[in-house]
Amino acid sequence: MYADLLGDIQEGVRGPGGLLYTVASWHILIKGLKWMENHLPLDLEGGDQVHSDLLDQIIAVGITIQQQANGEKVALSKEDHGTTMEEVQASLDWLRDKRSMWHGDVTAKRRAAVLESLFGHATA
């Protein structure tokens, strides 16, 4: 399912207005991830791996946005691209934290820091 969408994104990136298309597609992928987390049972066989793979792909698209903007010497703006470089970086940080929290590759110290930032105290 998401592999087809990612293929469409890769094709759109190569065309005119590629950076804008990539940013818009990335936002759609993030919304899809949030929907998946809220509506699909990830405890089904393979669900955890699909979630992990999707996070990896979304992170890769975010990194592509950064590299493309830097390579083209483009300053991302809300007006022209719907986001800023700072927002892209914040989203990448959030996605990486999400991946670590869901898939267990987080240190106890980082987990406590993330939970502290979210809830005001370390839980679970």
C-alpha atoms as a PDB file:
ATOM      1  CA  MET A   1       0.000   0.000   0.000  1.00  0.00           C
ATOM      2  CA  TYR A   2       2.478   2.640   1.153  1.00  0.00           C
ATOM      3  CA  ALA A   3       5.124   1.393  -1.289  1.00  0.00           C
ATOM      4  CA  ASP A   4       2.935   2.543  -4.203  1.00  0.00           C
ATOM      5  CA  LEU A   5       2.483   5.949  -2.572  1.00  0.00           C
ATOM      6  CA  LEU A   6       6.217   6.278  -2.038  1.00  0.00           C
ATOM      7  CA  GLY A   7       6.794   5.390  -5.695  1.00  0.00           C
ATOM      8  CA  ASP A   8       4.410   8.167  -6.712  1.00  0.00           C
ATOM      9  CA  ILE A   9       6.306  10.575  -4.476  1.00  0.00           C
ATOM     10  CA  GLN A  10       9.616   9.626  -6.074  1.00  0.00           C
ATOM     11  CA  GLU A  11       8.166  10.281  -9.533  1.00  0.00           C
ATOM     12  CA  GLY A  12       6.779  13.656  -8.428  1.00  0.00           C
ATOM     13  CA  VAL A  13      10.116  14.698  -6.951  1.00  0.00           C
ATOM     14  CA  ARG A  14      11.740  14.409 -10.356  1.00  0.00           C
ATOM     15  CA  GLY A  15       9.269  16.784 -11.994  1.00  0.00           C
ATOM     16  CA  PRO A  16       8.930  20.572 -11.874  1.00  0.00           C
ATOM     17  CA  GLY A  17       8.056  21.875  -8.449  1.00  0.00           C
ATOM     18  CA  GLY A  18       9.544  18.720  -6.985  1.00  0.00           C
ATOM     19  CA  LEU A  19      10.385  20.197  -3.585  1.00  0.00           C
ATOM     20  CA  LEU A  20       6.859  21.486  -3.041  1.00  0.00           C
ATOM     21  CA  TYR A  21       5.462  18.109  -4.151  1.00  0.00           C
ATOM     22  CA  THR A  22       7.820  16.276  -1.798  1.00  0.00           C
ATOM     23  CA  VAL A  23       6.832  18.447   1.169  1.00  0.00           C
ATOM     24  CA  ALA A  24       3.116  18.010   0.446  1.00  0.00           C
ATOM     25  CA  SER A  25       3.526  14.262   0.043  1.00  0.00           C
ATOM     26  CA  TRP A  26       5.529  14.050   3.262  1.00  0.00           C
ATOM     27  CA  HIS A  27       2.757  15.777   5.175  1.00  0.00           C
ATOM     28  CA  ILE A  28       0.263  13.281   3.739  1.00  0.00           C
ATOM     29  CA  LEU A  29       2.481  10.360   4.764  1.00  0.00           C
ATOM     30  CA  ILE A  30       2.730  11.716   8.309  1.00  0.00           C
ATOM     31  CA  LYS A  31      -1.066  12.073   8.489  1.00  0.00           C
ATOM     32  CA  GLY A  32      -1.394   8.516   7.175  1.00  0.00           C
ATOM     33  CA  LEU A  33       0.976   7.266   9.858  1.00  0.00           C
ATOM     34  CA  LYS A  34      -1.047   9.003  12.573  1.00  0.00           C
ATOM     35  CA  TRP A  35      -4.254   7.523  11.159  1.00  0.00           C
ATOM     36  CA  MET A  36      -2.680   4.063  11.070  1.00  0.00           C
ATOM     37  CA  GLU A  37      -1.578   4.331  14.688  1.00  0.00           C
ATOM     38  CA  ASN A  38      -5.052   5.395  15.785  1.00  0.00           C
ATOM     39  CA  HIS A  39      -7.157   3.005  13.694  1.00  0.00           C
ATOM     40  CA  LEU A  40      -5.237  -0.149  12.850  1.00  0.00           C
ATOM     41  CA  PRO A  41      -4.273  -2.864  15.314  1.00  0.00           C
ATOM     42  CA  LEU A  42      -0.482  -2.868  15.153  1.00  0.00           C
ATOM     43  CA  ASP A  43      -0.354  -6.004  17.288  1.00  0.00           C
ATOM     44  CA  LEU A  44      -1.483  -8.116  14.327  1.00  0.00           C
ATOM     45  CA  GLU A  45       1.185 -10.294  12.773  1.00  0.00           C
ATOM     46  CA  GLY A  46       3.497  -8.083  10.738  1.00  0.00           C
ATOM     47  CA  GLY A  47       1.833  -4.837  11.855  1.00  0.00           C
ATOM     48  CA  ASP A  48       4.806  -3.813  13.945  1.00  0.00           C
ATOM     49  CA  GLN A  49       7.186  -4.336  11.015  1.00  0.00           C
ATOM     50  CA  VAL A  50       4.939  -2.369   8.636  1.00  0.00           C
ATOM     51  CA  HIS A  51       4.864   0.482  11.160  1.00  0.00           C
ATOM     52  CA  SER A  52       8.645   0.403  11.560  1.00  0.00           C
ATOM     53  CA  ASP A  53       9.209   0.334   7.793  1.00  0.00           C
ATOM     54  CA  LEU A  54       6.759   3.183   7.254  1.00  0.00           C
ATOM     55  CA  LEU A  55       8.514   5.297   9.875  1.00  0.00           C
ATOM     56  CA  ASP A  56      11.843   4.612   8.164  1.00  0.00           C
ATOM     57  CA  GLN A  57      10.441   5.656   4.785  1.00  0.00           C
ATOM     58  CA  ILE A  58       8.844   8.836   6.146  1.00  0.00           C
ATOM     59  CA  ILE A  59      12.095   9.770   7.876  1.00  0.00           C
ATOM     60  CA  ALA A  60      13.948   9.171   4.586  1.00  0.00           C
ATOM     61  CA  VAL A  61      11.571  11.515   2.742  1.00  0.00           C
ATOM     62  CA  GLY A  62      12.150  14.200   5.400  1.00  0.00           C
ATOM     63  CA  ILE A  63      15.905  13.857   4.993  1.00  0.00           C
ATOM     64  CA  THR A  64      15.432  14.096   1.217  1.00  0.00           C
ATOM     65  CA  ILE A  65      13.550  17.371   1.718  1.00  0.00           C
ATOM     66  CA  GLN A  66      16.440  18.771   3.748  1.00  0.00           C
ATOM     67  CA  GLN A  67      19.045  17.628   1.233  1.00  0.00           C
ATOM     68  CA  GLN A  68      17.056  18.867  -1.745  1.00  0.00           C
ATOM     69  CA  ALA A  69      16.468  22.285  -0.168  1.00  0.00           C
ATOM     70  CA  ASN A  70      20.129  22.596   0.778  1.00  0.00           C
ATOM     71  CA  GLY A  71      21.303  21.369  -2.640  1.00  0.00           C
ATOM     72  CA  GLU A  72      19.076  23.822  -4.472  1.00  0.00           C
ATOM     73  CA  LYS A  73      19.949  26.540  -1.944  1.00  0.00           C
ATOM     74  CA  VAL A  74      16.248  27.037  -1.248  1.00  0.00           C
ATOM     75  CA  ALA A  75      15.020  28.536   2.003  1.00  0.00           C
ATOM     76  CA  LEU A  76      11.854  26.624   2.842  1.00  0.00           C
ATOM     77  CA  SER A  77       9.018  28.986   3.700  1.00  0.00           C
ATOM     78  CA  LYS A  78       5.423  28.624   4.803  1.00  0.00           C
ATOM     79  CA  GLU A  79       4.305  30.704   1.846  1.00  0.00           C
ATOM     80  CA  ASP A  80       6.162  28.762  -0.854  1.00  0.00           C
ATOM     81  CA  HIS A  81       6.470  25.260   0.606  1.00  0.00           C
ATOM     82  CA  GLY A  82       4.017  25.025   3.499  1.00  0.00           C
ATOM     83  CA  THR A  83       6.824  24.462   6.000  1.00  0.00           C
ATOM     84  CA  THR A  84      10.156  25.749   7.203  1.00  0.00           C
ATOM     85  CA  MET A  85      13.466  23.941   7.661  1.00  0.00           C
ATOM     86  CA  GLU A  86      12.973  24.239  11.423  1.00  0.00           C
ATOM     87  CA  GLU A  87       9.589  22.508  11.174  1.00  0.00           C
ATOM     88  CA  VAL A  88      11.066  19.754   9.008  1.00  0.00           C
ATOM     89  CA  GLN A  89      13.795  19.192  11.591  1.00  0.00           C
ATOM     90  CA  ALA A  90      11.267  19.180  14.445  1.00  0.00           C
ATOM     91  CA  SER A  91       9.133  16.637  12.571  1.00  0.00           C
ATOM     92  CA  LEU A  92      12.184  14.458  11.914  1.00  0.00           C
ATOM     93  CA  ASP A  93      13.091  14.591  15.608  1.00  0.00           C
ATOM     94  CA  TRP A  94       9.507  13.631  16.504  1.00  0.00           C
ATOM     95  CA  LEU A  95       9.507  10.752  14.000  1.00  0.00           C
ATOM     96  CA  ARG A  96      12.851   9.456  15.273  1.00  0.00           C
ATOM     97  CA  ASP A  97      11.612   9.634  18.871  1.00  0.00           C
ATOM     98  CA  LYS A  98       8.429   7.858  17.816  1.00  0.00           C
ATOM     99  CA  ARG A  99      10.449   5.117  16.139  1.00  0.00           C
ATOM    100  CA  SER A 100      12.605   4.699  19.217  1.00  0.00           C
ATOM    101  CA  MET A 101       9.649   4.636  21.589  1.00  0.00           C
ATOM    102  CA  TRP A 102       7.594   2.174  19.515  1.00  0.00           C
ATOM    103  CA  HIS A 103      10.362  -0.133  18.434  1.00  0.00           C
ATOM    104  CA  GLY A 104      12.593  -0.246  21.471  1.00  0.00           C
ATOM    105  CA  ASP A 105      15.860   1.170  20.205  1.00  0.00           C
ATOM    106  CA  VAL A 106      15.859   3.975  22.758  1.00  0.00           C
ATOM    107  CA  THR A 107      18.094   4.267  25.791  1.00  0.00           C
ATOM    108  CA  ALA A 108      16.445   4.444  29.195  1.00  0.00           C
ATOM    109  CA  LYS A 109      17.764   8.012  29.594  1.00  0.00           C
ATOM    110  CA  ARG A 110      16.272   9.162  26.257  1.00  0.00           C
ATOM    111  CA  ARG A 111      12.962   7.401  26.983  1.00  0.00           C
ATOM    112  CA  ALA A 112      12.715   9.207  30.332  1.00  0.00           C
ATOM    113  CA  ALA A 113      13.515  12.538  28.665  1.00  0.00           C
ATOM    114  CA  VAL A 114      10.837  12.037  25.993  1.00  0.00           C
ATOM    115  CA  LEU A 115       8.226  10.984  28.546  1.00  0.00           C
ATOM    116  CA  GLU A 116       9.198  13.941  30.726  1.00  0.00           C
ATOM    117  CA  SER A 117       8.727  16.340  27.830  1.00  0.00           C
ATOM    118  CA  LEU A 118       5.351  14.814  26.957  1.00  0.00           C
ATOM    119  CA  PHE A 119       3.835  14.206  30.383  1.00  0.00           C
ATOM    120  CA  GLY A 120       5.892  16.255  32.817  1.00  0.00           C
ATOM    121  CA  HIS A 121       7.227  13.084  34.451  1.00  0.00           C
ATOM    122  CA  ALA A 122       8.726   9.777  33.354  1.00  0.00           C
ATOM    123  CA  THR A 123       6.102   7.037  33.186  1.00  0.00           C
ATOM    124  CA  ALA A 124       6.013   3.429  32.042  1.00  0.00           C
END
